[in-house]
N, C-alpha and C. Protein backbone atom coordinates (compact mmCIF):
# COMPACT_ATOMS: atom_id res chain seq x y z
N MET A 1 79.57 -90.43 -74.59
CA MET A 1 79.24 -89.02 -74.58
C MET A 1 79.09 -88.58 -73.13
N ASP A 2 79.79 -87.51 -72.77
CA ASP A 2 79.64 -87.02 -71.40
C ASP A 2 78.35 -86.21 -71.28
N ASP A 3 77.85 -86.09 -70.07
CA ASP A 3 76.56 -85.44 -69.85
C ASP A 3 76.48 -84.01 -70.37
N PRO A 4 77.47 -83.14 -70.10
CA PRO A 4 77.33 -81.77 -70.60
C PRO A 4 77.21 -81.69 -72.12
N LEU A 5 77.98 -82.52 -72.85
CA LEU A 5 77.89 -82.51 -74.31
C LEU A 5 76.52 -83.03 -74.75
N GLU A 6 76.07 -84.09 -74.12
CA GLU A 6 74.76 -84.66 -74.46
C GLU A 6 73.65 -83.65 -74.17
N THR A 7 73.73 -82.99 -73.05
CA THR A 7 72.74 -81.97 -72.69
C THR A 7 72.77 -80.82 -73.68
N TRP A 8 73.96 -80.35 -74.02
CA TRP A 8 74.11 -79.28 -75.00
C TRP A 8 73.52 -79.70 -76.34
N PHE A 9 73.83 -80.91 -76.77
CA PHE A 9 73.35 -81.42 -78.06
C PHE A 9 71.82 -81.48 -78.09
N LYS A 10 71.22 -81.97 -77.04
CA LYS A 10 69.75 -82.04 -77.00
C LYS A 10 69.14 -80.64 -77.03
N ARG A 11 69.69 -79.75 -76.24
CA ARG A 11 69.14 -78.40 -76.12
C ARG A 11 69.35 -77.57 -77.39
N GLU A 12 70.55 -77.59 -77.91
CA GLU A 12 70.90 -76.69 -79.01
C GLU A 12 70.70 -77.28 -80.41
N VAL A 13 70.85 -78.58 -80.54
CA VAL A 13 70.81 -79.17 -81.88
C VAL A 13 69.52 -79.94 -82.13
N LEU A 14 69.19 -80.87 -81.25
CA LEU A 14 67.99 -81.67 -81.47
C LEU A 14 66.72 -80.81 -81.44
N SER A 15 66.77 -79.69 -80.74
CA SER A 15 65.61 -78.80 -80.70
C SER A 15 65.35 -78.16 -82.08
N GLN A 16 66.31 -78.22 -82.97
CA GLN A 16 66.20 -77.64 -84.32
C GLN A 16 65.76 -78.66 -85.36
N GLU A 17 65.43 -79.88 -84.92
CA GLU A 17 65.15 -80.97 -85.86
C GLU A 17 64.04 -80.63 -86.85
N GLY A 18 62.95 -80.04 -86.38
CA GLY A 18 61.85 -79.69 -87.28
C GLY A 18 62.30 -78.74 -88.39
N ALA A 19 63.02 -77.71 -88.01
CA ALA A 19 63.51 -76.73 -89.00
C ALA A 19 64.51 -77.39 -89.95
N LEU A 20 65.37 -78.23 -89.41
CA LEU A 20 66.36 -78.92 -90.25
C LEU A 20 65.67 -79.82 -91.26
N LEU A 21 64.68 -80.58 -90.83
CA LEU A 21 63.98 -81.47 -91.75
C LEU A 21 63.23 -80.68 -92.83
N ARG A 22 62.57 -79.61 -92.45
CA ARG A 22 61.88 -78.78 -93.45
C ARG A 22 62.87 -78.26 -94.50
N TYR A 23 64.01 -77.82 -94.01
CA TYR A 23 65.06 -77.31 -94.89
C TYR A 23 65.54 -78.40 -95.84
N LEU A 24 65.85 -79.57 -95.31
CA LEU A 24 66.35 -80.66 -96.13
C LEU A 24 65.31 -81.11 -97.16
N PHE A 25 64.07 -81.24 -96.74
CA PHE A 25 63.02 -81.64 -97.67
C PHE A 25 62.81 -80.59 -98.76
N ARG A 26 63.00 -79.33 -98.42
CA ARG A 26 62.81 -78.27 -99.40
C ARG A 26 63.93 -78.23 -100.44
N VAL A 27 65.17 -78.44 -100.02
CA VAL A 27 66.28 -78.23 -100.96
C VAL A 27 66.89 -79.51 -101.52
N TRP A 28 66.70 -80.63 -100.87
CA TRP A 28 67.32 -81.86 -101.37
C TRP A 28 66.32 -82.59 -102.26
N PRO A 29 66.69 -82.88 -103.50
CA PRO A 29 65.73 -83.46 -104.45
C PRO A 29 65.33 -84.91 -104.16
N ARG A 30 66.18 -85.67 -103.49
CA ARG A 30 65.87 -87.09 -103.23
C ARG A 30 65.41 -87.25 -101.79
N ARG A 31 64.09 -87.27 -101.61
CA ARG A 31 63.48 -87.32 -100.28
C ARG A 31 63.89 -88.54 -99.47
N ASP A 32 64.15 -89.65 -100.15
CA ASP A 32 64.53 -90.87 -99.43
C ASP A 32 65.90 -90.75 -98.75
N GLU A 33 66.68 -89.75 -99.09
CA GLU A 33 68.00 -89.56 -98.50
C GLU A 33 68.00 -88.54 -97.35
N VAL A 34 66.87 -87.90 -97.11
CA VAL A 34 66.81 -86.83 -96.11
C VAL A 34 67.14 -87.33 -94.71
N THR A 35 66.62 -88.48 -94.32
CA THR A 35 66.91 -88.97 -92.96
C THR A 35 68.40 -89.31 -92.81
N ASP A 36 69.01 -89.83 -93.87
CA ASP A 36 70.45 -90.10 -93.82
C ASP A 36 71.24 -88.79 -93.69
N LEU A 37 70.84 -87.78 -94.44
CA LEU A 37 71.50 -86.48 -94.35
C LEU A 37 71.37 -85.90 -92.94
N ARG A 38 70.18 -86.03 -92.37
CA ARG A 38 69.96 -85.53 -91.01
C ARG A 38 70.89 -86.22 -90.02
N GLN A 39 70.97 -87.54 -90.11
CA GLN A 39 71.82 -88.30 -89.18
C GLN A 39 73.29 -87.97 -89.36
N GLU A 40 73.70 -87.86 -90.60
CA GLU A 40 75.11 -87.52 -90.87
C GLU A 40 75.42 -86.11 -90.38
N THR A 41 74.47 -85.21 -90.53
CA THR A 41 74.63 -83.84 -90.02
C THR A 41 74.81 -83.87 -88.51
N TYR A 42 73.93 -84.61 -87.84
CA TYR A 42 74.03 -84.72 -86.37
C TYR A 42 75.39 -85.30 -85.96
N ALA A 43 75.84 -86.33 -86.67
CA ALA A 43 77.11 -86.96 -86.32
C ALA A 43 78.27 -85.97 -86.45
N ARG A 44 78.26 -85.19 -87.52
CA ARG A 44 79.34 -84.22 -87.72
C ARG A 44 79.29 -83.09 -86.70
N VAL A 45 78.09 -82.64 -86.36
CA VAL A 45 77.95 -81.59 -85.36
C VAL A 45 78.47 -82.09 -84.03
N LEU A 46 78.06 -83.30 -83.67
CA LEU A 46 78.48 -83.88 -82.39
C LEU A 46 80.00 -84.07 -82.34
N GLU A 47 80.55 -84.54 -83.43
CA GLU A 47 82.00 -84.75 -83.51
C GLU A 47 82.75 -83.42 -83.33
N ALA A 48 82.29 -82.39 -84.01
CA ALA A 48 82.94 -81.08 -83.91
C ALA A 48 82.75 -80.47 -82.53
N ALA A 49 81.56 -80.64 -81.96
CA ALA A 49 81.25 -80.05 -80.65
C ALA A 49 82.01 -80.73 -79.52
N ALA A 50 82.46 -81.95 -79.74
CA ALA A 50 83.22 -82.66 -78.71
C ALA A 50 84.53 -81.94 -78.42
N SER A 51 85.11 -81.31 -79.43
CA SER A 51 86.37 -80.60 -79.21
C SER A 51 86.15 -79.12 -78.92
N SER A 52 85.13 -78.53 -79.56
CA SER A 52 84.85 -77.11 -79.34
C SER A 52 83.41 -76.83 -79.72
N ARG A 53 82.66 -76.26 -78.81
CA ARG A 53 81.24 -75.98 -79.07
C ARG A 53 81.11 -74.72 -79.91
N PRO A 54 80.31 -74.76 -80.96
CA PRO A 54 80.13 -73.57 -81.80
C PRO A 54 79.36 -72.47 -81.06
N ALA A 55 79.70 -71.23 -81.36
CA ALA A 55 79.05 -70.09 -80.71
C ALA A 55 77.60 -69.94 -81.17
N GLN A 56 77.32 -70.31 -82.42
CA GLN A 56 75.97 -70.23 -82.96
C GLN A 56 75.56 -71.61 -83.45
N PRO A 57 75.04 -72.44 -82.55
CA PRO A 57 74.72 -73.83 -82.91
C PRO A 57 73.77 -73.99 -84.08
N ARG A 58 72.74 -73.16 -84.17
CA ARG A 58 71.77 -73.28 -85.28
C ARG A 58 72.46 -73.02 -86.62
N ALA A 59 73.20 -71.94 -86.70
CA ALA A 59 73.91 -71.62 -87.94
C ALA A 59 74.91 -72.72 -88.29
N PHE A 60 75.59 -73.24 -87.27
CA PHE A 60 76.57 -74.31 -87.47
C PHE A 60 75.87 -75.56 -88.00
N LEU A 61 74.72 -75.90 -87.44
CA LEU A 61 73.95 -77.08 -87.86
C LEU A 61 73.59 -76.97 -89.33
N PHE A 62 73.05 -75.82 -89.74
CA PHE A 62 72.64 -75.65 -91.13
C PHE A 62 73.83 -75.55 -92.07
N ALA A 63 74.94 -75.01 -91.60
CA ALA A 63 76.15 -74.97 -92.43
C ALA A 63 76.66 -76.38 -92.68
N ILE A 64 76.64 -77.22 -91.65
CA ILE A 64 77.06 -78.62 -91.82
C ILE A 64 76.15 -79.31 -92.82
N ALA A 65 74.83 -79.13 -92.69
CA ALA A 65 73.88 -79.76 -93.61
C ALA A 65 74.13 -79.29 -95.04
N ARG A 66 74.32 -77.97 -95.21
CA ARG A 66 74.58 -77.43 -96.54
C ARG A 66 75.87 -78.02 -97.13
N ASN A 67 76.91 -78.10 -96.31
CA ASN A 67 78.18 -78.64 -96.79
C ASN A 67 78.06 -80.12 -97.15
N LEU A 68 77.29 -80.87 -96.38
CA LEU A 68 77.08 -82.29 -96.70
C LEU A 68 76.39 -82.44 -98.06
N MET A 69 75.37 -81.63 -98.29
CA MET A 69 74.68 -81.70 -99.57
C MET A 69 75.61 -81.29 -100.72
N ALA A 70 76.40 -80.26 -100.50
CA ALA A 70 77.35 -79.83 -101.53
C ALA A 70 78.36 -80.94 -101.81
N ASP A 71 78.84 -81.60 -100.76
CA ASP A 71 79.78 -82.72 -100.94
C ASP A 71 79.14 -83.84 -101.76
N ARG A 72 77.90 -84.17 -101.44
CA ARG A 72 77.22 -85.23 -102.18
C ARG A 72 77.06 -84.86 -103.65
N ILE A 73 76.72 -83.63 -103.90
CA ILE A 73 76.55 -83.19 -105.29
C ILE A 73 77.89 -83.26 -106.03
N ARG A 74 78.96 -82.82 -105.36
CA ARG A 74 80.30 -82.88 -105.98
C ARG A 74 80.73 -84.30 -106.29
N ARG A 75 80.38 -85.24 -105.40
CA ARG A 75 80.81 -86.62 -105.58
C ARG A 75 80.08 -87.33 -106.71
N GLU A 76 78.90 -86.88 -107.03
CA GLU A 76 78.15 -87.52 -108.11
C GLU A 76 78.83 -87.26 -109.45
N ARG A 77 78.93 -88.30 -110.24
CA ARG A 77 79.55 -88.13 -111.56
C ARG A 77 78.67 -87.28 -112.46
N VAL A 78 77.39 -87.57 -112.50
CA VAL A 78 76.46 -86.81 -113.30
C VAL A 78 75.57 -86.04 -112.33
N VAL A 79 75.71 -84.74 -112.37
CA VAL A 79 74.95 -83.90 -111.46
C VAL A 79 73.63 -83.54 -112.14
N SER A 80 72.53 -83.81 -111.46
CA SER A 80 71.23 -83.51 -112.06
C SER A 80 71.01 -82.00 -112.10
N ILE A 81 70.27 -81.57 -113.07
CA ILE A 81 69.96 -80.15 -113.20
C ILE A 81 69.18 -79.69 -111.98
N GLU A 82 68.32 -80.54 -111.48
CA GLU A 82 67.50 -80.23 -110.31
C GLU A 82 68.38 -79.92 -109.09
N ALA A 83 69.42 -80.73 -108.87
CA ALA A 83 70.31 -80.52 -107.73
C ALA A 83 71.09 -79.22 -107.87
N VAL A 84 71.57 -78.94 -109.07
CA VAL A 84 72.32 -77.71 -109.29
C VAL A 84 71.43 -76.50 -109.09
N GLY A 85 70.18 -76.58 -109.50
CA GLY A 85 69.25 -75.48 -109.31
C GLY A 85 69.00 -75.20 -107.85
N ASP A 86 68.99 -76.22 -107.02
CA ASP A 86 68.71 -76.05 -105.61
C ASP A 86 69.91 -75.61 -104.80
N ILE A 87 71.11 -75.71 -105.33
CA ILE A 87 72.31 -75.38 -104.55
C ILE A 87 72.30 -73.91 -104.12
N ASP A 88 71.68 -73.03 -104.92
CA ASP A 88 71.60 -71.62 -104.54
C ASP A 88 70.77 -71.41 -103.29
N GLU A 89 69.79 -72.27 -103.08
CA GLU A 89 68.91 -72.13 -101.92
C GLU A 89 69.60 -72.60 -100.64
N LEU A 90 70.72 -73.25 -100.74
CA LEU A 90 71.37 -73.81 -99.57
C LEU A 90 71.89 -72.75 -98.61
N HIS A 91 72.04 -71.52 -99.06
CA HIS A 91 72.57 -70.45 -98.21
C HIS A 91 71.49 -69.69 -97.46
N VAL A 92 70.25 -69.95 -97.77
CA VAL A 92 69.15 -69.14 -97.26
C VAL A 92 69.05 -69.14 -95.74
N LEU A 93 69.03 -70.29 -95.11
CA LEU A 93 68.75 -70.34 -93.69
C LEU A 93 69.92 -69.96 -92.79
N ILE A 94 71.14 -70.06 -93.26
CA ILE A 94 72.26 -69.79 -92.36
C ILE A 94 72.68 -68.33 -92.35
N GLU A 95 72.21 -67.56 -93.33
CA GLU A 95 72.54 -66.15 -93.33
C GLU A 95 71.57 -65.43 -92.40
N GLU A 96 72.09 -64.87 -91.36
CA GLU A 96 71.25 -64.18 -90.41
C GLU A 96 71.26 -62.69 -90.69
N VAL A 97 70.13 -62.05 -90.46
CA VAL A 97 70.05 -60.60 -90.65
C VAL A 97 70.54 -59.96 -89.36
N THR A 98 71.74 -59.43 -89.43
CA THR A 98 72.34 -58.77 -88.28
C THR A 98 71.92 -57.30 -88.28
N PRO A 99 72.03 -56.63 -87.15
CA PRO A 99 71.71 -55.20 -87.13
C PRO A 99 72.56 -54.41 -88.13
N GLU A 100 73.81 -54.82 -88.30
CA GLU A 100 74.69 -54.13 -89.25
C GLU A 100 74.17 -54.27 -90.67
N ARG A 101 73.79 -55.50 -91.06
CA ARG A 101 73.26 -55.72 -92.41
C ARG A 101 71.97 -54.95 -92.61
N SER A 102 71.14 -54.93 -91.62
CA SER A 102 69.87 -54.22 -91.69
C SER A 102 70.11 -52.73 -91.88
N ASN A 103 71.06 -52.17 -91.13
CA ASN A 103 71.40 -50.75 -91.23
C ASN A 103 71.98 -50.43 -92.60
N ILE A 104 72.86 -51.27 -93.10
CA ILE A 104 73.46 -51.06 -94.42
C ILE A 104 72.38 -51.10 -95.49
N ALA A 105 71.46 -52.04 -95.38
CA ALA A 105 70.37 -52.15 -96.36
C ALA A 105 69.50 -50.90 -96.35
N ARG A 106 69.20 -50.38 -95.14
CA ARG A 106 68.40 -49.15 -95.05
C ARG A 106 69.13 -47.97 -95.70
N GLN A 107 70.44 -47.86 -95.46
CA GLN A 107 71.22 -46.77 -96.05
C GLN A 107 71.24 -46.88 -97.57
N GLU A 108 71.42 -48.09 -98.08
CA GLU A 108 71.44 -48.29 -99.53
C GLU A 108 70.09 -47.95 -100.15
N LEU A 109 69.02 -48.32 -99.45
CA LEU A 109 67.69 -48.01 -99.94
C LEU A 109 67.46 -46.50 -99.98
N LYS A 110 67.94 -45.78 -98.97
CA LYS A 110 67.81 -44.32 -98.96
C LYS A 110 68.60 -43.70 -100.12
N ARG A 111 69.80 -44.23 -100.36
CA ARG A 111 70.60 -43.72 -101.48
C ARG A 111 69.91 -43.99 -102.81
N LEU A 112 69.32 -45.17 -102.94
CA LEU A 112 68.62 -45.51 -104.18
C LEU A 112 67.41 -44.59 -104.36
N ALA A 113 66.66 -44.34 -103.30
CA ALA A 113 65.50 -43.45 -103.38
C ALA A 113 65.93 -42.05 -103.78
N ALA A 114 67.05 -41.57 -103.21
CA ALA A 114 67.56 -40.24 -103.56
C ALA A 114 67.96 -40.20 -105.03
N ALA A 115 68.64 -41.23 -105.50
CA ALA A 115 69.06 -41.30 -106.90
C ALA A 115 67.84 -41.38 -107.81
N PHE A 116 66.86 -42.14 -107.40
CA PHE A 116 65.63 -42.29 -108.19
C PHE A 116 64.92 -40.95 -108.35
N ASP A 117 64.90 -40.17 -107.27
CA ASP A 117 64.26 -38.85 -107.30
C ASP A 117 64.97 -37.90 -108.26
N LEU A 118 66.26 -38.13 -108.52
CA LEU A 118 67.03 -37.24 -109.40
C LEU A 118 66.85 -37.58 -110.88
N LEU A 119 66.23 -38.70 -111.18
CA LEU A 119 66.05 -39.09 -112.58
C LEU A 119 65.11 -38.11 -113.30
N PRO A 120 65.30 -37.95 -114.62
CA PRO A 120 64.34 -37.15 -115.39
C PRO A 120 62.94 -37.76 -115.21
N PRO A 121 61.91 -36.94 -115.16
CA PRO A 121 60.56 -37.43 -114.85
C PRO A 121 60.07 -38.60 -115.70
N LYS A 122 60.19 -38.52 -117.03
CA LYS A 122 59.73 -39.62 -117.88
C LYS A 122 60.53 -40.88 -117.61
N CYS A 123 61.81 -40.69 -117.46
CA CYS A 123 62.73 -41.80 -117.17
C CYS A 123 62.31 -42.48 -115.86
N ARG A 124 62.04 -41.65 -114.86
CA ARG A 124 61.63 -42.16 -113.55
C ARG A 124 60.30 -42.90 -113.65
N ASP A 125 59.34 -42.34 -114.38
CA ASP A 125 58.03 -42.98 -114.52
C ASP A 125 58.14 -44.33 -115.22
N VAL A 126 58.92 -44.36 -116.30
CA VAL A 126 59.10 -45.63 -117.02
C VAL A 126 59.77 -46.66 -116.12
N MET A 127 60.81 -46.25 -115.43
CA MET A 127 61.52 -47.17 -114.55
C MET A 127 60.60 -47.69 -113.44
N TRP A 128 59.78 -46.81 -112.90
CA TRP A 128 58.84 -47.22 -111.84
C TRP A 128 57.87 -48.29 -112.35
N LEU A 129 57.31 -48.03 -113.52
CA LEU A 129 56.35 -48.97 -114.08
C LEU A 129 57.00 -50.31 -114.45
N ARG A 130 58.20 -50.25 -115.02
CA ARG A 130 58.88 -51.49 -115.45
C ARG A 130 59.42 -52.30 -114.29
N ARG A 131 60.15 -51.66 -113.38
CA ARG A 131 60.89 -52.41 -112.35
C ARG A 131 60.15 -52.55 -111.03
N VAL A 132 59.35 -51.56 -110.67
CA VAL A 132 58.65 -51.63 -109.39
C VAL A 132 57.28 -52.29 -109.57
N GLN A 133 56.51 -51.80 -110.56
CA GLN A 133 55.20 -52.39 -110.80
C GLN A 133 55.26 -53.62 -111.70
N GLU A 134 56.45 -53.90 -112.22
CA GLU A 134 56.74 -55.08 -113.04
C GLU A 134 55.81 -55.22 -114.24
N LYS A 135 55.54 -54.09 -114.89
CA LYS A 135 54.72 -54.13 -116.10
C LYS A 135 55.62 -54.45 -117.29
N SER A 136 55.02 -55.03 -118.31
CA SER A 136 55.78 -55.36 -119.51
C SER A 136 56.11 -54.08 -120.26
N GLN A 137 57.07 -54.21 -121.15
CA GLN A 137 57.49 -53.06 -121.96
C GLN A 137 56.31 -52.54 -122.78
N LYS A 138 55.53 -53.46 -123.31
CA LYS A 138 54.36 -53.09 -124.12
C LYS A 138 53.32 -52.36 -123.27
N GLU A 139 53.07 -52.86 -122.04
CA GLU A 139 52.10 -52.22 -121.15
C GLU A 139 52.52 -50.79 -120.80
N VAL A 140 53.82 -50.62 -120.53
CA VAL A 140 54.33 -49.29 -120.19
C VAL A 140 54.17 -48.34 -121.38
N ALA A 141 54.51 -48.83 -122.57
CA ALA A 141 54.39 -48.00 -123.78
C ALA A 141 52.95 -47.57 -123.99
N THR A 142 52.04 -48.51 -123.83
CA THR A 142 50.61 -48.19 -124.01
C THR A 142 50.13 -47.19 -122.96
N GLU A 143 50.48 -47.43 -121.72
CA GLU A 143 50.04 -46.56 -120.63
C GLU A 143 50.57 -45.14 -120.76
N MET A 144 51.82 -45.02 -121.22
CA MET A 144 52.44 -43.69 -121.30
C MET A 144 52.28 -43.05 -122.68
N GLY A 145 51.74 -43.81 -123.64
CA GLY A 145 51.55 -43.26 -124.98
C GLY A 145 52.86 -43.04 -125.71
N ILE A 146 53.83 -43.92 -125.51
CA ILE A 146 55.13 -43.81 -126.20
C ILE A 146 55.44 -45.15 -126.88
N LYS A 147 56.47 -45.15 -127.71
CA LYS A 147 56.88 -46.37 -128.41
C LYS A 147 57.64 -47.30 -127.46
N GLU A 148 57.62 -48.59 -127.77
CA GLU A 148 58.36 -49.56 -126.96
C GLU A 148 59.85 -49.28 -126.98
N THR A 149 60.36 -48.82 -128.11
CA THR A 149 61.80 -48.50 -128.18
C THR A 149 62.15 -47.33 -127.25
N THR A 150 61.20 -46.43 -127.08
CA THR A 150 61.41 -45.30 -126.17
C THR A 150 61.45 -45.80 -124.73
N VAL A 151 60.59 -46.77 -124.44
CA VAL A 151 60.60 -47.38 -123.10
C VAL A 151 61.98 -47.99 -122.85
N GLU A 152 62.51 -48.72 -123.82
CA GLU A 152 63.84 -49.32 -123.69
C GLU A 152 64.90 -48.27 -123.41
N LYS A 153 64.85 -47.17 -124.15
CA LYS A 153 65.83 -46.09 -123.99
C LYS A 153 65.75 -45.47 -122.59
N HIS A 154 64.53 -45.25 -122.12
CA HIS A 154 64.35 -44.67 -120.78
C HIS A 154 64.88 -45.61 -119.70
N VAL A 155 64.59 -46.89 -119.83
CA VAL A 155 65.08 -47.86 -118.84
C VAL A 155 66.60 -47.91 -118.86
N SER A 156 67.16 -47.93 -120.06
CA SER A 156 68.61 -47.97 -120.20
C SER A 156 69.26 -46.75 -119.56
N LYS A 157 68.69 -45.59 -119.83
CA LYS A 157 69.23 -44.35 -119.26
C LYS A 157 69.09 -44.35 -117.74
N ALA A 158 67.93 -44.78 -117.25
CA ALA A 158 67.70 -44.81 -115.80
C ALA A 158 68.69 -45.74 -115.11
N VAL A 159 68.90 -46.90 -115.69
CA VAL A 159 69.85 -47.86 -115.10
C VAL A 159 71.25 -47.27 -115.07
N ARG A 160 71.63 -46.62 -116.18
CA ARG A 160 72.97 -46.01 -116.24
C ARG A 160 73.13 -44.92 -115.19
N LEU A 161 72.13 -44.05 -115.07
CA LEU A 161 72.21 -42.96 -114.10
C LEU A 161 72.19 -43.48 -112.66
N LEU A 162 71.34 -44.46 -112.40
CA LEU A 162 71.29 -45.03 -111.04
C LEU A 162 72.60 -45.73 -110.68
N ALA A 163 73.16 -46.45 -111.65
CA ALA A 163 74.44 -47.11 -111.40
C ALA A 163 75.53 -46.10 -111.16
N LYS A 164 75.51 -45.02 -111.92
CA LYS A 164 76.51 -43.96 -111.77
C LYS A 164 76.45 -43.39 -110.35
N TYR A 165 75.26 -43.19 -109.86
CA TYR A 165 75.08 -42.65 -108.51
C TYR A 165 75.45 -43.68 -107.45
N MET A 166 74.92 -44.89 -107.59
CA MET A 166 75.09 -45.92 -106.56
C MET A 166 76.51 -46.48 -106.50
N LEU A 167 77.17 -46.58 -107.63
CA LEU A 167 78.49 -47.22 -107.65
C LEU A 167 79.64 -46.24 -107.60
N GLY A 168 79.34 -44.97 -107.61
CA GLY A 168 80.39 -43.95 -107.57
C GLY A 168 81.02 -43.86 -106.21
N ASP A 169 82.03 -43.02 -106.10
CA ASP A 169 82.75 -42.82 -104.83
C ASP A 169 81.83 -42.07 -103.88
N SER A 170 81.31 -42.77 -102.88
CA SER A 170 80.33 -42.15 -101.98
C SER A 170 80.97 -41.19 -100.99
N SER A 171 82.28 -41.26 -100.79
CA SER A 171 82.90 -40.38 -99.80
C SER A 171 83.07 -38.96 -100.31
N SER A 172 83.57 -38.81 -101.56
CA SER A 172 83.83 -37.46 -102.04
C SER A 172 82.97 -37.07 -103.22
N GLY A 173 82.53 -38.02 -104.00
CA GLY A 173 81.85 -37.68 -105.24
C GLY A 173 80.36 -37.73 -105.20
N GLU A 174 79.76 -38.06 -104.08
CA GLU A 174 78.31 -38.22 -104.05
C GLU A 174 77.59 -36.94 -104.42
N GLN A 175 78.04 -35.80 -103.90
CA GLN A 175 77.40 -34.54 -104.21
C GLN A 175 77.58 -34.22 -105.69
N THR A 176 78.78 -34.47 -106.21
CA THR A 176 79.04 -34.22 -107.62
C THR A 176 78.16 -35.11 -108.48
N GLN A 177 78.04 -36.38 -108.11
CA GLN A 177 77.22 -37.30 -108.88
C GLN A 177 75.76 -36.87 -108.85
N SER A 178 75.27 -36.44 -107.71
CA SER A 178 73.89 -35.97 -107.60
C SER A 178 73.67 -34.80 -108.55
N THR A 179 74.63 -33.89 -108.56
CA THR A 179 74.55 -32.73 -109.44
C THR A 179 74.56 -33.16 -110.89
N GLU A 180 75.45 -34.10 -111.25
CA GLU A 180 75.54 -34.57 -112.63
C GLU A 180 74.24 -35.23 -113.07
N ILE A 181 73.65 -36.04 -112.20
CA ILE A 181 72.41 -36.72 -112.55
C ILE A 181 71.29 -35.69 -112.70
N ALA A 182 71.23 -34.73 -111.79
CA ALA A 182 70.21 -33.68 -111.87
C ALA A 182 70.39 -32.87 -113.15
N GLN A 183 71.67 -32.54 -113.49
CA GLN A 183 71.93 -31.76 -114.70
C GLN A 183 71.51 -32.54 -115.94
N GLU A 184 71.83 -33.83 -115.95
CA GLU A 184 71.44 -34.66 -117.08
C GLU A 184 69.93 -34.70 -117.22
N GLY A 185 69.24 -34.76 -116.08
CA GLY A 185 67.78 -34.73 -116.09
C GLY A 185 67.26 -33.41 -116.62
N ASN A 186 67.90 -32.29 -116.21
CA ASN A 186 67.48 -30.97 -116.69
C ASN A 186 67.73 -30.84 -118.19
N GLU A 187 68.88 -31.33 -118.67
CA GLU A 187 69.19 -31.30 -120.09
C GLU A 187 68.13 -32.05 -120.88
N HIS A 188 67.73 -33.20 -120.32
CA HIS A 188 66.72 -34.03 -120.99
C HIS A 188 65.39 -33.27 -121.07
N ARG A 189 65.04 -32.58 -119.99
CA ARG A 189 63.78 -31.83 -119.97
C ARG A 189 63.79 -30.67 -120.99
N THR A 190 64.94 -29.97 -121.11
CA THR A 190 65.01 -28.83 -122.01
C THR A 190 64.99 -29.28 -123.48
N ARG A 191 65.45 -30.48 -123.77
CA ARG A 191 65.44 -30.99 -125.14
C ARG A 191 64.01 -31.36 -125.59
N GLN A 192 63.14 -31.65 -124.63
CA GLN A 192 61.80 -32.10 -124.98
C GLN A 192 60.89 -30.98 -125.34
């Protein structure tokens, strides 16, 4: 190993050892294999870095570890339910929150809040209690003095209206969709 590669490896990869071990212990079901996974991860990172150094060493390190675990799971003839359950967690650490993702999330949240405000009042109240406050259908029915089937209908309608707004053509139809949702809410109010 030449000095610059060794120096880079110590600075960029070995400095992440604590985080890597916590990650491996959290997602890999067989603790006795964690040190082997760590060493194999290091070997693959070093091998790849010898030809070309990754721009984001931390993300690269965790991607290698995730891929190694996925390879091991694939190679096993009988895959344990525990291992399959943990495979979803393997993406957690390597996905970084970029300014673009953060901005997109804020915009989507604003759109959702706007759509939520357009819901008929009872529909909005039921949806708030069920999905935001995470109350049971029975609790919502008791609190609002309505039947559980009515709670189901309100949730179903709210989901449909929110999906209509959120999944519609945002470039040209957003204003039309807002109007349609508001009109549907007004129709609902006049029927009551």
